[in-house]
C-alpha cells in the first residue's frame, strides 16, 4: 500500500500493537493437547493455526507504548519488528479471520477433541488441523 503519509499507522487503532504471537508446535500427542489447554486456561491467551499452517500462541496485551489515542509514543524509535511489519499485511485491512482454527479456552479444546473422536469412531477422516 503506497502512501504519502510518513506514518501510515496514523489512522489505525493499533491492531498489531494489541497482541504478541509466537510460534508453537502442532499438537499431536495427549501431552501436547494438555499443554495447549494449560495455555488457554490463562486470561488473554489463545492458540491458533493460521492459514499458512503455522501454530501460534497469541498473548492479548497492549504494547506499553500505545497512548490513549492508539498512537505509538515511540514511533520514530520503534523496534525493528514494528518497522518491518508490512503495511500491506496490516491486520486492519484483513478480510475475514486470521486463523483457520482458534482455541480461546479449555472448552474450545475439549469440543474440538470430542469432534475428532466422534469422527474417528464413525470411520470418518479427522478434521484438518
C-alpha atoms as a PDB file:
ATOM      1  CA  UNK A   1       0.000   0.000   0.000  1.00  0.00           C
ATOM      2  CA  UNK A   2       1.559   3.260  -1.144  1.00  0.00           C
ATOM      3  CA  UNK A   3       1.032   6.336   0.962  1.00  0.00           C
ATOM      4  CA  UNK A   4       2.364   9.859   1.203  1.00  0.00           C
ATOM      5  CA  UNK A   5       1.751   9.768   4.939  1.00  0.00           C
ATOM      6  CA  UNK A   6       5.080   9.421   6.787  1.00  0.00           C
ATOM      7  CA  UNK A   7       3.150   7.471   9.421  1.00  0.00           C
ATOM      8  CA  UNK A   8       0.835   5.000   7.628  1.00  0.00           C
ATOM      9  CA  UNK A   9      -0.365   3.873  11.059  1.00  0.00           C
ATOM     10  CA  UNK A  10      -1.787   7.317  11.789  1.00  0.00           C
ATOM     11  CA  UNK A  11      -5.448   6.363  11.345  1.00  0.00           C
ATOM     12  CA  UNK A  12      -5.103   2.938  12.941  1.00  0.00           C
ATOM     13  CA  UNK A  13      -6.439   1.733  16.271  1.00  0.00           C
ATOM     14  CA  UNK A  14      -3.234  -0.131  16.996  1.00  0.00           C
ATOM     15  CA  UNK A  15      -4.449  -3.563  15.944  1.00  0.00           C
ATOM     16  CA  UNK A  16      -0.957  -5.053  15.577  1.00  0.00           C
ATOM     17  CA  UNK A  17       0.099  -3.424  18.863  1.00  0.00           C
ATOM     18  CA  UNK A  18      -2.520  -5.244  20.916  1.00  0.00           C
ATOM     19  CA  UNK A  19      -1.142  -8.766  20.896  1.00  0.00           C
ATOM     20  CA  UNK A  20       2.014 -10.819  20.586  1.00  0.00           C
ATOM     21  CA  UNK A  21       2.034 -14.140  18.735  1.00  0.00           C
ATOM     22  CA  UNK A  22       4.832 -16.688  18.962  1.00  0.00           C
ATOM     23  CA  UNK A  23       5.366 -19.967  17.135  1.00  0.00           C
ATOM     24  CA  UNK A  24       4.130 -23.125  18.830  1.00  0.00           C
ATOM     25  CA  UNK A  25       4.370 -26.764  17.888  1.00  0.00           C
ATOM     26  CA  UNK A  26       1.398 -28.510  16.313  1.00  0.00           C
ATOM     27  CA  UNK A  27      -0.326 -30.603  18.992  1.00  0.00           C
ATOM     28  CA  UNK A  28      -0.082 -34.300  18.165  1.00  0.00           C
ATOM     29  CA  UNK A  29       0.010 -36.135  21.482  1.00  0.00           C
ATOM     30  CA  UNK A  30      -2.238 -36.124  24.541  1.00  0.00           C
ATOM     31  CA  UNK A  31       0.530 -34.284  26.357  1.00  0.00           C
ATOM     32  CA  UNK A  32       0.582 -31.594  23.640  1.00  0.00           C
ATOM     33  CA  UNK A  33      -3.175 -31.108  23.974  1.00  0.00           C
ATOM     34  CA  UNK A  34      -2.874 -30.882  27.756  1.00  0.00           C
ATOM     35  CA  UNK A  35      -0.213 -28.197  27.332  1.00  0.00           C
ATOM     36  CA  UNK A  36      -2.483 -26.348  24.909  1.00  0.00           C
ATOM     37  CA  UNK A  37      -5.311 -26.488  27.484  1.00  0.00           C
ATOM     38  CA  UNK A  38      -2.937 -25.081  30.090  1.00  0.00           C
ATOM     39  CA  UNK A  39      -2.053 -22.173  27.804  1.00  0.00           C
ATOM     40  CA  UNK A  40      -5.649 -21.195  27.059  1.00  0.00           C
ATOM     41  CA  UNK A  41      -6.607 -21.533  30.724  1.00  0.00           C
ATOM     42  CA  UNK A  42      -4.784 -18.234  31.183  1.00  0.00           C
ATOM     43  CA  UNK A  43      -6.585 -14.954  30.603  1.00  0.00           C
ATOM     44  CA  UNK A  44      -5.922 -13.303  27.268  1.00  0.00           C
ATOM     45  CA  UNK A  45      -4.038 -16.275  25.798  1.00  0.00           C
ATOM     46  CA  UNK A  46      -5.223 -18.026  22.632  1.00  0.00           C
ATOM     47  CA  UNK A  47      -3.679 -20.730  20.454  1.00  0.00           C
ATOM     48  CA  UNK A  48      -4.432 -20.790  16.764  1.00  0.00           C
ATOM     49  CA  UNK A  49      -3.428 -22.295  13.447  1.00  0.00           C
ATOM     50  CA  UNK A  50      -3.126 -19.689  10.712  1.00  0.00           C
ATOM     51  CA  UNK A  51      -3.900 -20.170   7.035  1.00  0.00           C
ATOM     52  CA  UNK A  52      -0.250 -20.905   6.291  1.00  0.00           C
ATOM     53  CA  UNK A  53      -0.368 -23.937   8.600  1.00  0.00           C
ATOM     54  CA  UNK A  54       1.634 -22.341  11.419  1.00  0.00           C
ATOM     55  CA  UNK A  55       0.613 -22.820  15.037  1.00  0.00           C
ATOM     56  CA  UNK A  56       0.916 -19.780  17.278  1.00  0.00           C
ATOM     57  CA  UNK A  57       0.270 -18.722  20.846  1.00  0.00           C
ATOM     58  CA  UNK A  58      -1.318 -15.294  20.995  1.00  0.00           C
ATOM     59  CA  UNK A  59      -0.974 -13.145  24.087  1.00  0.00           C
ATOM     60  CA  UNK A  60      -3.582 -10.380  24.047  1.00  0.00           C
ATOM     61  CA  UNK A  61      -1.766  -7.479  25.646  1.00  0.00           C
ATOM     62  CA  UNK A  62      -1.399  -3.871  24.555  1.00  0.00           C
ATOM     63  CA  UNK A  63       2.058  -2.525  23.857  1.00  0.00           C
ATOM     64  CA  UNK A  64       3.038  -0.206  26.666  1.00  0.00           C
ATOM     65  CA  UNK A  65       3.899   2.465  24.100  1.00  0.00           C
ATOM     66  CA  UNK A  66       0.325   2.948  22.837  1.00  0.00           C
ATOM     67  CA  UNK A  67      -1.267   6.144  24.089  1.00  0.00           C
ATOM     68  CA  UNK A  68      -4.964   6.830  24.731  1.00  0.00           C
ATOM     69  CA  UNK A  69      -5.435   7.762  21.053  1.00  0.00           C
ATOM     70  CA  UNK A  70      -3.886   4.452  19.858  1.00  0.00           C
ATOM     71  CA  UNK A  71      -0.750   6.220  18.707  1.00  0.00           C
ATOM     72  CA  UNK A  72       2.742   4.846  19.158  1.00  0.00           C
ATOM     73  CA  UNK A  73       4.649   7.079  21.546  1.00  0.00           C
ATOM     74  CA  UNK A  74       7.994   5.791  20.215  1.00  0.00           C
ATOM     75  CA  UNK A  75       7.094   5.667  16.518  1.00  0.00           C
ATOM     76  CA  UNK A  76      10.340   7.252  15.322  1.00  0.00           C
ATOM     77  CA  UNK A  77      12.384   4.917  17.552  1.00  0.00           C
ATOM     78  CA  UNK A  78      10.150   1.829  17.366  1.00  0.00           C
ATOM     79  CA  UNK A  79      11.660  -1.650  17.285  1.00  0.00           C
ATOM     80  CA  UNK A  80      12.750  -3.289  14.027  1.00  0.00           C
ATOM     81  CA  UNK A  81       9.914  -5.844  14.151  1.00  0.00           C
ATOM     82  CA  UNK A  82       7.436  -2.944  14.163  1.00  0.00           C
ATOM     83  CA  UNK A  83       9.241  -1.145  11.347  1.00  0.00           C
ATOM     84  CA  UNK A  84       9.405  -4.266   9.223  1.00  0.00           C
ATOM     85  CA  UNK A  85       5.718  -5.165   9.603  1.00  0.00           C
ATOM     86  CA  UNK A  86       4.482  -4.649   6.017  1.00  0.00           C
ATOM     87  CA  UNK A  87       1.649  -2.158   5.742  1.00  0.00           C
ATOM     88  CA  UNK A  88       0.001  -4.345   3.090  1.00  0.00           C
ATOM     89  CA  UNK A  89      -0.212  -7.161   5.678  1.00  0.00           C
ATOM     90  CA  UNK A  90      -1.810  -4.898   8.260  1.00  0.00           C
ATOM     91  CA  UNK A  91      -4.497  -6.642  10.276  1.00  0.00           C
ATOM     92  CA  UNK A  92      -6.840  -3.670   9.959  1.00  0.00           C
ATOM     93  CA  UNK A  93      -7.138  -4.297   6.203  1.00  0.00           C
ATOM     94  CA  UNK A  94      -7.653  -8.050   6.525  1.00  0.00           C
ATOM     95  CA  UNK A  95     -10.890  -9.542   5.331  1.00  0.00           C
ATOM     96  CA  UNK A  96     -12.165 -12.354   7.497  1.00  0.00           C
ATOM     97  CA  UNK A  97     -10.354 -14.129  10.271  1.00  0.00           C
ATOM     98  CA  UNK A  98      -6.587 -14.511  10.607  1.00  0.00           C
ATOM     99  CA  UNK A  99      -6.851 -18.120  11.764  1.00  0.00           C
ATOM    100  CA  UNK A 100      -8.053 -21.438  10.423  1.00  0.00           C
ATOM    101  CA  UNK A 101      -8.838 -22.700  13.918  1.00  0.00           C
ATOM    102  CA  UNK A 102      -8.561 -20.990  17.282  1.00  0.00           C
ATOM    103  CA  UNK A 103      -8.739 -22.145  20.871  1.00  0.00           C
ATOM    104  CA  UNK A 104      -9.700 -19.401  23.321  1.00  0.00           C
ATOM    105  CA  UNK A 105     -10.381 -21.617  26.332  1.00  0.00           C
ATOM    106  CA  UNK A 106     -10.356 -25.206  27.557  1.00  0.00           C
ATOM    107  CA  UNK A 107     -13.937 -25.732  26.385  1.00  0.00           C
ATOM    108  CA  UNK A 108     -12.872 -24.962  22.789  1.00  0.00           C
ATOM    109  CA  UNK A 109     -10.113 -27.577  23.013  1.00  0.00           C
ATOM    110  CA  UNK A 110     -12.357 -30.241  24.531  1.00  0.00           C
ATOM    111  CA  UNK A 111     -15.095 -29.588  21.971  1.00  0.00           C
ATOM    112  CA  UNK A 112     -12.579 -29.960  19.151  1.00  0.00           C
ATOM    113  CA  UNK A 113     -11.120 -33.181  20.585  1.00  0.00           C
ATOM    114  CA  UNK A 114     -14.620 -34.638  21.104  1.00  0.00           C
ATOM    115  CA  UNK A 115     -15.470 -33.887  17.461  1.00  0.00           C
ATOM    116  CA  UNK A 116     -12.227 -35.554  16.352  1.00  0.00           C
ATOM    117  CA  UNK A 117     -13.007 -38.639  18.458  1.00  0.00           C
ATOM    118  CA  UNK A 118     -16.575 -38.829  17.098  1.00  0.00           C
ATOM    119  CA  UNK A 119     -15.267 -38.652  13.532  1.00  0.00           C
ATOM    120  CA  UNK A 120     -12.749 -41.394  14.274  1.00  0.00           C
ATOM    121  CA  UNK A 121     -15.435 -43.648  15.769  1.00  0.00           C
ATOM    122  CA  UNK A 122     -17.641 -43.031  12.737  1.00  0.00           C
ATOM    123  CA  UNK A 123     -14.801 -44.032  10.424  1.00  0.00           C
ATOM    124  CA  UNK A 124     -14.516 -40.524   9.027  1.00  0.00           C
ATOM    125  CA  UNK A 125     -11.384 -38.615   8.224  1.00  0.00           C
ATOM    126  CA  UNK A 126     -10.284 -36.361  11.111  1.00  0.00           C
ATOM    127  CA  UNK A 127     -10.931 -32.639  10.834  1.00  0.00           C
ATOM    128  CA  UNK A 128      -7.993 -30.881   9.287  1.00  0.00           C
ATOM    129  CA  UNK A 129      -5.663 -29.208  11.760  1.00  0.00           C
END
